Amino acid sequence: MTAEHEDFVSRLPDKDKTLLILRDQLYEGSWPEMVMDLDGRLNKGFQVFELTELIEADLARIEVLADYENKHDINLGDFLEDEN
């Protein structure tokens, strides 16, 4: 585990860290499964405006986190555990 990735994780906002934890615990580490679930909730029909904004913001955060993981071929959740 490199210092670069540890630094990246340490600077993540709590919301991003929460997404990493949820991905690992609820979606067996799969961003695509999590995105599919959130998209399904978003497209289910009538949504409270604030909920729609939260889901859209989460999807944008997931894209950034997944891109970082793909670029570096790592699981950021591994670095999150080291932070505690």
Protein backbone atom coordinates (compact mmCIF):
# COMPACT_ATOMS: atom_id res chain seq x y z
CA MET A 1 0.00 0.00 0.00
CA THR A 2 1.52 3.21 -1.10
CA ALA A 3 1.58 6.54 0.65
CA GLU A 4 -0.07 8.14 -2.38
CA HIS A 5 -3.21 6.03 -2.01
CA GLU A 6 -3.24 6.34 1.78
CA ASP A 7 -3.08 10.12 1.38
CA PHE A 8 -5.88 10.06 -1.19
CA VAL A 9 -8.14 8.10 1.16
CA SER A 10 -7.28 10.24 4.18
CA ARG A 11 -8.41 13.35 2.27
CA LEU A 12 -11.75 11.85 1.18
CA PRO A 13 -14.87 13.46 2.63
CA ASP A 14 -16.89 11.29 5.01
CA LYS A 15 -19.59 10.81 2.35
CA ASP A 16 -17.03 9.22 0.01
CA LYS A 17 -15.72 6.97 2.77
CA THR A 18 -19.28 5.93 3.54
CA LEU A 19 -19.78 4.95 -0.11
CA LEU A 20 -16.66 2.78 0.05
CA ILE A 21 -17.93 1.05 3.19
CA LEU A 22 -21.42 0.51 1.73
CA ARG A 23 -19.98 -0.83 -1.51
CA ASP A 24 -17.89 -3.38 0.35
CA GLN A 25 -20.55 -4.39 2.89
CA LEU A 26 -23.76 -4.29 0.84
CA TYR A 27 -22.60 -4.84 -2.73
CA GLU A 28 -19.69 -7.27 -2.22
CA GLY A 29 -17.20 -4.66 -3.43
CA SER A 30 -19.00 -4.00 -6.73
CA TRP A 31 -19.40 -0.46 -8.00
CA PRO A 32 -21.57 -1.63 -10.93
CA GLU A 33 -24.02 -3.34 -8.56
CA MET A 34 -24.22 -0.23 -6.38
CA VAL A 35 -24.70 2.07 -9.37
CA MET A 36 -27.40 -0.22 -10.77
CA ASP A 37 -29.23 -0.12 -7.43
CA LEU A 38 -29.00 3.68 -7.16
CA ASP A 39 -30.06 4.13 -10.78
CA GLY A 40 -33.03 1.88 -10.11
CA ARG A 41 -34.04 3.96 -7.11
CA LEU A 42 -33.56 7.16 -9.10
CA ASN A 43 -35.66 5.94 -12.03
CA LYS A 44 -38.39 4.32 -9.96
CA GLY A 45 -40.73 7.24 -10.43
CA PHE A 46 -41.66 10.07 -8.14
CA GLN A 47 -38.81 10.99 -5.81
CA VAL A 48 -38.44 13.68 -3.22
CA PHE A 49 -36.27 16.35 -4.82
CA GLU A 50 -33.62 16.19 -2.08
CA LEU A 51 -33.36 12.42 -2.41
CA THR A 52 -32.87 12.74 -6.16
CA GLU A 53 -30.08 15.25 -5.57
CA LEU A 54 -28.41 12.96 -3.02
CA ILE A 55 -28.51 9.95 -5.33
CA GLU A 56 -27.14 11.98 -8.23
CA ALA A 57 -24.34 13.33 -6.01
CA ASP A 58 -23.54 9.80 -4.81
CA LEU A 59 -23.38 8.56 -8.40
CA ALA A 60 -20.94 11.35 -9.27
CA ARG A 61 -18.77 10.47 -6.24
CA ILE A 62 -18.84 6.79 -7.19
CA GLU A 63 -17.62 7.65 -10.68
CA VAL A 64 -14.60 9.51 -9.26
CA LEU A 65 -13.78 6.75 -6.77
CA ALA A 66 -14.19 3.97 -9.35
CA ASP A 67 -12.05 5.85 -11.87
CA TYR A 68 -9.28 6.22 -9.28
CA GLU A 69 -9.46 2.52 -8.41
CA ASN A 70 -9.42 1.48 -12.06
CA LYS A 71 -6.54 3.80 -12.91
CA HIS A 72 -4.41 2.44 -10.07
CA ASP A 73 -5.78 -1.14 -10.04
CA ILE A 74 -6.55 -0.96 -6.31
CA ASN A 75 -9.45 -1.23 -3.86
CA LEU A 76 -9.69 1.98 -1.84
CA GLY A 77 -11.55 0.08 0.85
CA ASP A 78 -8.26 -1.62 1.72
CA PHE A 79 -6.76 1.75 2.56
CA LEU A 80 -9.81 2.82 4.51
CA GLU A 81 -9.27 0.01 6.98
CA ASP A 82 -5.72 1.22 7.62
CA GLU A 83 -7.03 4.67 8.48
CA ASN A 84 -8.88 3.53 11.60
